[in-house]
Amino acid sequence: MSETSQAARRLKLLRERAGLSMRAVSEALGWTLTRYQHYEDRYRRNFLPMEFVSQLADLFVPRGIPRADVMDLAGVPREPTSYDPMAPQPPQPPHVPAMPRDLPVMGTVKGGEEGFYFNEGEPKEYIVRPPALTGVSNAFALYVHGESMEPRYYAGEVLYVNPNRPLAKGCFVAVEMTNDRGLIKQFIHRSDDLLVLAQFNPPKEIRLPMAEVKRIYRITGSGESA
């Protein structure tokens, strides 16, 4: 298992300085504990998502943590300590309007044999839609929980699903079973009677009778979402 990023380690230090437990932070964010733990224990990218860091600032700053220390987690440069009108000023980035949060999260993927279950009724939350799913009215997202598809997908990642994309050997899919159980695996092939999938951790081939399969959705991308 590779080492977590510096951003993950700094997040843990700031949380401890604020006197908060991981459970307290996850509850304040309205997250599950597992989802928050991903960012301290398994996160490998250089910076945390900006929206996540903004939420952390609202939580940590009232507890004595300087806002600049928190925003460092997202790679936001610190303000200069003094203003020199003669010094060259860096160019200002163009204003980017906030993207609408209109992509429904329809379930949380659980690793291992237990699979997951799609949400019943209304989505539990909505997230920002990636450009690739613009105009795809039936697209949705799933959260990863567990280790069965590492190193492809890690706990806390969001998976983007386009039900209209055709399947191809080697693509990744969300499989909905007739008992409403779901699996995230790699697609190998299918026949009229059998669906063959691959799992990464531990490596194994999974063979499912097509009579037990309700739908197969193609995963078109993944990322971090706060």
C-alpha atoms as a PDB file:
ATOM      1  CA  MET A   1       0.000   0.000   0.000  1.00  0.00           C
ATOM      2  CA  SER A   2       1.524   3.303  -1.067  1.00  0.00           C
ATOM      3  CA  GLU A   3       1.928   6.155   1.367  1.00  0.00           C
ATOM      4  CA  THR A   4      -0.758   8.806   1.748  1.00  0.00           C
ATOM      5  CA  SER A   5      -0.121  12.276   0.351  1.00  0.00           C
ATOM      6  CA  GLN A   6       1.200  15.254   2.270  1.00  0.00           C
ATOM      7  CA  ALA A   7      -2.268  16.812   1.994  1.00  0.00           C
ATOM      8  CA  ALA A   8      -3.773  13.832   3.857  1.00  0.00           C
ATOM      9  CA  ARG A   9      -1.159  14.044   6.609  1.00  0.00           C
ATOM     10  CA  ARG A  10      -1.642  17.814   6.992  1.00  0.00           C
ATOM     11  CA  LEU A  11      -5.402  17.348   7.173  1.00  0.00           C
ATOM     12  CA  LYS A  12      -4.955  14.974  10.107  1.00  0.00           C
ATOM     13  CA  LEU A  13      -2.655  17.432  11.893  1.00  0.00           C
ATOM     14  CA  LEU A  14      -5.093  20.331  11.443  1.00  0.00           C
ATOM     15  CA  ARG A  15      -8.010  18.232  12.670  1.00  0.00           C
ATOM     16  CA  GLU A  16      -6.075  17.247  15.777  1.00  0.00           C
ATOM     17  CA  ARG A  17      -5.057  20.881  16.375  1.00  0.00           C
ATOM     18  CA  ALA A  18      -8.750  21.788  16.188  1.00  0.00           C
ATOM     19  CA  GLY A  19      -9.456  19.165  18.871  1.00  0.00           C
ATOM     20  CA  LEU A  20     -11.862  17.175  16.707  1.00  0.00           C
ATOM     21  CA  SER A  21     -12.205  13.452  16.099  1.00  0.00           C
ATOM     22  CA  MET A  22     -12.693  12.023  12.620  1.00  0.00           C
ATOM     23  CA  ARG A  23     -16.243  11.083  13.580  1.00  0.00           C
ATOM     24  CA  ALA A  24     -16.985  14.630  14.725  1.00  0.00           C
ATOM     25  CA  VAL A  25     -15.748  16.062  11.421  1.00  0.00           C
ATOM     26  CA  SER A  26     -17.653  13.520   9.328  1.00  0.00           C
ATOM     27  CA  GLU A  27     -20.875  14.220  11.224  1.00  0.00           C
ATOM     28  CA  ALA A  28     -20.400  17.990  10.851  1.00  0.00           C
ATOM     29  CA  LEU A  29     -19.992  17.501   7.083  1.00  0.00           C
ATOM     30  CA  GLY A  30     -22.985  15.168   6.884  1.00  0.00           C
ATOM     31  CA  TRP A  31     -20.733  12.361   5.648  1.00  0.00           C
ATOM     32  CA  THR A  32     -20.224   8.769   6.652  1.00  0.00           C
ATOM     33  CA  LEU A  33     -17.122   8.120   8.733  1.00  0.00           C
ATOM     34  CA  THR A  34     -15.701   5.869   5.988  1.00  0.00           C
ATOM     35  CA  ARG A  35     -15.947   8.603   3.392  1.00  0.00           C
ATOM     36  CA  TYR A  36     -14.056  11.070   5.575  1.00  0.00           C
ATOM     37  CA  GLN A  37     -11.436   8.488   6.586  1.00  0.00           C
ATOM     38  CA  HIS A  38     -10.498   8.115   2.917  1.00  0.00           C
ATOM     39  CA  TYR A  39      -9.079  11.652   2.911  1.00  0.00           C
ATOM     40  CA  GLU A  40      -6.858  11.048   5.943  1.00  0.00           C
ATOM     41  CA  ASP A  41      -5.912   7.406   5.487  1.00  0.00           C
ATOM     42  CA  ARG A  42      -5.940   6.694   1.751  1.00  0.00           C
ATOM     43  CA  TYR A  43      -5.790   9.956  -0.204  1.00  0.00           C
ATOM     44  CA  ARG A  44      -2.826  10.156  -2.583  1.00  0.00           C
ATOM     45  CA  ARG A  45      -3.296  13.378  -4.555  1.00  0.00           C
ATOM     46  CA  ASN A  46      -1.311  16.557  -3.953  1.00  0.00           C
ATOM     47  CA  PHE A  47      -4.270  18.713  -2.939  1.00  0.00           C
ATOM     48  CA  LEU A  48      -7.747  18.185  -1.501  1.00  0.00           C
ATOM     49  CA  PRO A  49     -10.856  19.266  -3.464  1.00  0.00           C
ATOM     50  CA  MET A  50     -11.573  23.002  -3.073  1.00  0.00           C
ATOM     51  CA  GLU A  51     -15.185  22.594  -1.977  1.00  0.00           C
ATOM     52  CA  PHE A  52     -14.158  20.079   0.694  1.00  0.00           C
ATOM     53  CA  VAL A  53     -11.450  22.435   1.993  1.00  0.00           C
ATOM     54  CA  SER A  54     -13.921  25.350   2.144  1.00  0.00           C
ATOM     55  CA  GLN A  55     -16.172  23.216   4.353  1.00  0.00           C
ATOM     56  CA  LEU A  56     -13.206  22.315   6.548  1.00  0.00           C
ATOM     57  CA  ALA A  57     -12.314  26.005   6.926  1.00  0.00           C
ATOM     58  CA  ASP A  58     -15.814  26.770   8.221  1.00  0.00           C
ATOM     59  CA  LEU A  59     -15.305  24.011  10.784  1.00  0.00           C
ATOM     60  CA  PHE A  60     -11.654  24.544  11.781  1.00  0.00           C
ATOM     61  CA  VAL A  61     -11.276  28.360  11.789  1.00  0.00           C
ATOM     62  CA  PRO A  62     -13.693  28.936  14.712  1.00  0.00           C
ATOM     63  CA  ARG A  63     -11.509  26.467  16.642  1.00  0.00           C
ATOM     64  CA  GLY A  64      -8.372  28.551  16.250  1.00  0.00           C
ATOM     65  CA  ILE A  65      -6.899  27.189  13.012  1.00  0.00           C
ATOM     66  CA  PRO A  66      -5.756  30.001  10.645  1.00  0.00           C
ATOM     67  CA  ARG A  67      -7.776  29.997   7.428  1.00  0.00           C
ATOM     68  CA  ALA A  68      -4.582  30.150   5.382  1.00  0.00           C
ATOM     69  CA  ASP A  69      -3.406  26.885   6.955  1.00  0.00           C
ATOM     70  CA  VAL A  70      -6.642  25.185   5.929  1.00  0.00           C
ATOM     71  CA  MET A  71      -6.693  26.618   2.398  1.00  0.00           C
ATOM     72  CA  ASP A  72      -3.148  25.335   1.901  1.00  0.00           C
ATOM     73  CA  LEU A  73      -4.741  21.886   1.684  1.00  0.00           C
ATOM     74  CA  ALA A  74      -6.274  22.888  -1.669  1.00  0.00           C
ATOM     75  CA  GLY A  75      -3.116  24.601  -2.925  1.00  0.00           C
ATOM     76  CA  VAL A  76      -4.481  28.113  -2.426  1.00  0.00           C
ATOM     77  CA  PRO A  77      -1.529  30.553  -2.199  1.00  0.00           C
ATOM     78  CA  ARG A  78      -1.252  32.627   0.941  1.00  0.00           C
ATOM     79  CA  GLU A  79      -1.933  36.344   0.839  1.00  0.00           C
ATOM     80  CA  PRO A  80       1.228  38.521   0.997  1.00  0.00           C
ATOM     81  CA  THR A  81       1.922  39.930   4.440  1.00  0.00           C
ATOM     82  CA  SER A  82       2.314  43.472   3.090  1.00  0.00           C
ATOM     83  CA  TYR A  83       1.128  45.223  -0.051  1.00  0.00           C
ATOM     84  CA  ASP A  84       3.627  46.862  -2.360  1.00  0.00           C
ATOM     85  CA  PRO A  85       1.811  48.902  -5.051  1.00  0.00           C
ATOM     86  CA  MET A  86       4.983  48.952  -7.167  1.00  0.00           C
ATOM     87  CA  ALA A  87       5.425  45.177  -7.156  1.00  0.00           C
ATOM     88  CA  PRO A  88       4.145  43.288 -10.190  1.00  0.00           C
ATOM     89  CA  GLN A  89       0.827  41.668  -9.492  1.00  0.00           C
ATOM     90  CA  PRO A  90       0.043  38.142 -10.672  1.00  0.00           C
ATOM     91  CA  PRO A  91      -2.677  37.873 -13.310  1.00  0.00           C
ATOM     92  CA  GLN A  92      -6.108  37.234 -11.931  1.00  0.00           C
ATOM     93  CA  PRO A  93      -7.819  34.062 -13.089  1.00  0.00           C
ATOM     94  CA  PRO A  94     -11.105  34.541 -14.924  1.00  0.00           C
ATOM     95  CA  HIS A  95     -14.233  34.238 -12.868  1.00  0.00           C
ATOM     96  CA  VAL A  96     -15.733  30.779 -13.200  1.00  0.00           C
ATOM     97  CA  PRO A  97     -19.382  30.521 -12.165  1.00  0.00           C
ATOM     98  CA  ALA A  98     -20.294  27.752  -9.746  1.00  0.00           C
ATOM     99  CA  MET A  99     -21.391  24.594 -11.486  1.00  0.00           C
ATOM    100  CA  PRO A 100     -24.881  23.307 -10.691  1.00  0.00           C
ATOM    101  CA  ARG A 101     -25.163  20.212  -8.541  1.00  0.00           C
ATOM    102  CA  ASP A 102     -27.638  18.172 -10.552  1.00  0.00           C
ATOM    103  CA  LEU A 103     -26.104  14.690 -10.840  1.00  0.00           C
ATOM    104  CA  PRO A 104     -27.911  12.285  -8.472  1.00  0.00           C
ATOM    105  CA  VAL A 105     -25.935   9.941  -6.222  1.00  0.00           C
ATOM    106  CA  MET A 106     -27.885   6.701  -6.383  1.00  0.00           C
ATOM    107  CA  GLY A 107     -25.910   4.496  -4.005  1.00  0.00           C
ATOM    108  CA  THR A 108     -22.719   3.749  -2.129  1.00  0.00           C
ATOM    109  CA  VAL A 109     -20.576   0.955  -3.481  1.00  0.00           C
ATOM    110  CA  LYS A 110     -19.335  -1.439  -0.800  1.00  0.00           C
ATOM    111  CA  GLY A 111     -16.280  -3.507  -1.534  1.00  0.00           C
ATOM    112  CA  GLY A 112     -15.962  -7.240  -1.109  1.00  0.00           C
ATOM    113  CA  GLU A 113     -18.654  -9.855  -1.487  1.00  0.00           C
ATOM    114  CA  GLU A 114     -21.454  -7.872   0.114  1.00  0.00           C
ATOM    115  CA  GLY A 115     -21.803  -5.524  -2.865  1.00  0.00           C
ATOM    116  CA  PHE A 116     -24.108  -2.509  -2.522  1.00  0.00           C
ATOM    117  CA  TYR A 117     -27.724  -1.521  -2.949  1.00  0.00           C
ATOM    118  CA  PHE A 118     -29.090   1.299  -5.062  1.00  0.00           C
ATOM    119  CA  ASN A 119     -30.939   4.020  -3.187  1.00  0.00           C
ATOM    120  CA  GLU A 120     -34.673   3.527  -3.065  1.00  0.00           C
ATOM    121  CA  GLY A 121     -36.753   6.523  -4.128  1.00  0.00           C
ATOM    122  CA  GLU A 122     -35.115   9.929  -4.244  1.00  0.00           C
ATOM    123  CA  PRO A 123     -31.299  10.352  -4.444  1.00  0.00           C
ATOM    124  CA  LYS A 124     -29.559  11.017  -1.129  1.00  0.00           C
ATOM    125  CA  GLU A 125     -27.614  13.958  -2.588  1.00  0.00           C
ATOM    126  CA  TYR A 126     -26.608  15.687  -5.807  1.00  0.00           C
ATOM    127  CA  ILE A 127     -23.072  16.496  -7.002  1.00  0.00           C
ATOM    128  CA  VAL A 128     -21.507  18.498  -9.820  1.00  0.00           C
ATOM    129  CA  ARG A 129     -21.976  16.844 -13.211  1.00  0.00           C
ATOM    130  CA  PRO A 130     -18.741  16.240 -15.174  1.00  0.00           C
ATOM    131  CA  PRO A 131     -18.654  17.648 -18.743  1.00  0.00           C
ATOM    132  CA  ALA A 132     -18.767  14.147 -20.244  1.00  0.00           C
ATOM    133  CA  LEU A 133     -22.271  13.650 -18.803  1.00  0.00           C
ATOM    134  CA  THR A 134     -23.714  16.964 -20.005  1.00  0.00           C
ATOM    135  CA  GLY A 135     -27.071  16.283 -21.586  1.00  0.00           C
ATOM    136  CA  VAL A 136     -27.248  12.695 -20.300  1.00  0.00           C
ATOM    137  CA  SER A 137     -30.571  12.866 -18.476  1.00  0.00           C
ATOM    138  CA  ASN A 138     -30.368   9.380 -16.950  1.00  0.00           C
ATOM    139  CA  ALA A 139     -26.741   9.606 -15.747  1.00  0.00           C
ATOM    140  CA  PHE A 140     -25.995   9.089 -12.069  1.00  0.00           C
ATOM    141  CA  ALA A 141     -23.131   8.611  -9.604  1.00  0.00           C
ATOM    142  CA  LEU A 142     -22.065   6.099  -6.953  1.00  0.00           C
ATOM    143  CA  TYR A 143     -19.641   6.411  -4.038  1.00  0.00           C
ATOM    144  CA  VAL A 144     -16.965   3.773  -3.518  1.00  0.00           C
ATOM    145  CA  HIS A 145     -16.576   2.132  -0.120  1.00  0.00           C
ATOM    146  CA  GLY A 146     -14.182  -0.766   0.285  1.00  0.00           C
ATOM    147  CA  GLU A 147     -11.128  -2.205  -1.401  1.00  0.00           C
ATOM    148  CA  SER A 148     -12.341  -4.836  -3.878  1.00  0.00           C
ATOM    149  CA  MET A 149     -11.409  -2.786  -6.972  1.00  0.00           C
ATOM    150  CA  GLU A 150      -8.115  -1.255  -5.831  1.00  0.00           C
ATOM    151  CA  PRO A 151      -5.905   0.008  -7.391  1.00  0.00           C
ATOM    152  CA  ARG A 152      -8.476   1.133  -9.982  1.00  0.00           C
ATOM    153  CA  TYR A 153     -10.951   2.644  -7.530  1.00  0.00           C
ATOM    154  CA  TYR A 154     -10.372   3.676  -3.913  1.00  0.00           C
ATOM    155  CA  ALA A 155     -12.773   4.294  -1.061  1.00  0.00           C
ATOM    156  CA  GLY A 156     -14.278   7.762  -1.153  1.00  0.00           C
ATOM    157  CA  GLU A 157     -14.089   8.172  -4.914  1.00  0.00           C
ATOM    158  CA  VAL A 158     -17.185   8.968  -6.919  1.00  0.00           C
ATOM    159  CA  LEU A 159     -18.011   6.875  -9.983  1.00  0.00           C
ATOM    160  CA  TYR A 160     -19.828   8.438 -12.943  1.00  0.00           C
ATOM    161  CA  VAL A 161     -22.314   6.202 -14.768  1.00  0.00           C
ATOM    162  CA  ASN A 162     -23.715   6.632 -18.289  1.00  0.00           C
ATOM    163  CA  PRO A 163     -26.407   3.975 -18.816  1.00  0.00           C
ATOM    164  CA  ASN A 164     -26.468   4.716 -22.555  1.00  0.00           C
ATOM    165  CA  ARG A 165     -22.859   3.737 -23.283  1.00  0.00           C
ATOM    166  CA  PRO A 166     -22.430   0.262 -24.805  1.00  0.00           C
ATOM    167  CA  LEU A 167     -20.311  -2.305 -22.989  1.00  0.00           C
ATOM    168  CA  ALA A 168     -16.842  -3.253 -24.235  1.00  0.00           C
ATOM    169  CA  LYS A 169     -14.403  -5.852 -22.994  1.00  0.00           C
ATOM    170  CA  GLY A 170     -12.271  -4.382 -20.218  1.00  0.00           C
ATOM    171  CA  CYS A 171     -14.639  -1.534 -19.320  1.00  0.00           C
ATOM    172  CA  PHE A 172     -15.870  -1.077 -15.744  1.00  0.00           C
ATOM    173  CA  VAL A 173     -19.485  -1.618 -14.836  1.00  0.00           C
ATOM    174  CA  ALA A 174     -22.064  -1.356 -12.083  1.00  0.00           C
ATOM    175  CA  VAL A 175     -24.169  -4.510 -12.108  1.00  0.00           C
ATOM    176  CA  GLU A 176     -27.665  -4.433 -10.617  1.00  0.00           C
ATOM    177  CA  MET A 177     -28.930  -7.869  -9.601  1.00  0.00           C
ATOM    178  CA  THR A 178     -32.550  -9.005  -9.491  1.00  0.00           C
ATOM    179  CA  ASN A 179     -32.404  -8.892  -5.671  1.00  0.00           C
ATOM    180  CA  ASP A 180     -31.343  -5.189  -5.935  1.00  0.00           C
ATOM    181  CA  ARG A 181     -27.795  -6.035  -4.840  1.00  0.00           C
ATOM    182  CA  GLY A 182     -25.074  -4.344  -6.873  1.00  0.00           C
ATOM    183  CA  LEU A 183     -21.441  -4.950  -7.811  1.00  0.00           C
ATOM    184  CA  ILE A 184     -18.658  -2.823  -9.278  1.00  0.00           C
ATOM    185  CA  LYS A 185     -16.337  -4.950 -11.402  1.00  0.00           C
ATOM    186  CA  GLN A 186     -14.512  -5.105 -14.730  1.00  0.00           C
ATOM    187  CA  PHE A 187     -16.544  -6.452 -17.630  1.00  0.00           C
ATOM    188  CA  ILE A 188     -15.066  -9.470 -19.430  1.00  0.00           C
ATOM    189  CA  HIS A 189     -17.906 -10.893 -21.532  1.00  0.00           C
ATOM    190  CA  ARG A 190     -21.470 -12.115 -21.412  1.00  0.00           C
ATOM    191  CA  SER A 191     -23.633 -14.656 -23.190  1.00  0.00           C
ATOM    192  CA  ASP A 192     -27.331 -15.335 -23.063  1.00  0.00           C
ATOM    193  CA  ASP A 193     -26.781 -17.363 -19.896  1.00  0.00           C
ATOM    194  CA  LEU A 194     -23.642 -16.027 -18.187  1.00  0.00           C
ATOM    195  CA  LEU A 195     -21.958 -12.748 -17.184  1.00  0.00           C
ATOM    196  CA  VAL A 196     -18.206 -12.884 -16.527  1.00  0.00           C
ATOM    197  CA  LEU A 197     -16.538 -10.138 -14.459  1.00  0.00           C
ATOM    198  CA  ALA A 198     -13.118  -9.500 -12.949  1.00  0.00           C
ATOM    199  CA  GLN A 199     -12.322  -8.309  -9.424  1.00  0.00           C
ATOM    200  CA  PHE A 200      -8.932  -6.758  -8.597  1.00  0.00           C
ATOM    201  CA  ASN A 201      -8.466  -7.115  -4.825  1.00  0.00           C
ATOM    202  CA  PRO A 202      -8.084 -10.011  -4.337  1.00  0.00           C
ATOM    203  CA  PRO A 203      -7.859 -10.924  -8.040  1.00  0.00           C
ATOM    204  CA  LYS A 204     -10.637 -13.300  -9.031  1.00  0.00           C
ATOM    205  CA  GLU A 205     -13.082 -14.065 -11.820  1.00  0.00           C
ATOM    206  CA  ILE A 206     -16.775 -13.769 -11.016  1.00  0.00           C
ATOM    207  CA  ARG A 207     -19.373 -15.684 -13.035  1.00  0.00           C
ATOM    208  CA  LEU A 208     -23.018 -14.693 -12.640  1.00  0.00           C
ATOM    209  CA  PRO A 209     -26.093 -16.311 -14.209  1.00  0.00           C
ATOM    210  CA  MET A 210     -27.777 -13.755 -16.501  1.00  0.00           C
ATOM    211  CA  ALA A 211     -31.103 -14.797 -14.978  1.00  0.00           C
ATOM    212  CA  GLU A 212     -29.956 -13.044 -11.769  1.00  0.00           C
ATOM    213  CA  VAL A 213     -28.816  -9.835 -13.524  1.00  0.00           C
ATOM    214  CA  LYS A 214     -31.294  -6.953 -13.861  1.00  0.00           C
ATOM    215  CA  ARG A 215     -29.117  -4.255 -15.491  1.00  0.00           C
ATOM    216  CA  ILE A 216     -25.489  -3.548 -16.385  1.00  0.00           C
ATOM    217  CA  TYR A 217     -24.390   0.110 -16.319  1.00  0.00           C
ATOM    218  CA  ARG A 218     -21.153   1.347 -17.831  1.00  0.00           C
ATOM    219  CA  ILE A 219     -18.895   3.485 -15.604  1.00  0.00           C
ATOM    220  CA  THR A 220     -17.434   6.322 -17.685  1.00  0.00           C
ATOM    221  CA  GLY A 221     -15.167   8.009 -15.146  1.00  0.00           C
ATOM    222  CA  SER A 222     -14.265   8.625 -11.533  1.00  0.00           C
ATOM    223  CA  GLY A 223     -12.917  11.377  -9.360  1.00  0.00           C
ATOM    224  CA  GLU A 224     -13.027  13.116  -6.006  1.00  0.00           C
ATOM    225  CA  SER A 225     -16.115  14.919  -4.937  1.00  0.00           C
ATOM    226  CA  ALA A 226     -16.787  16.936  -1.829  1.00  0.00           C
END
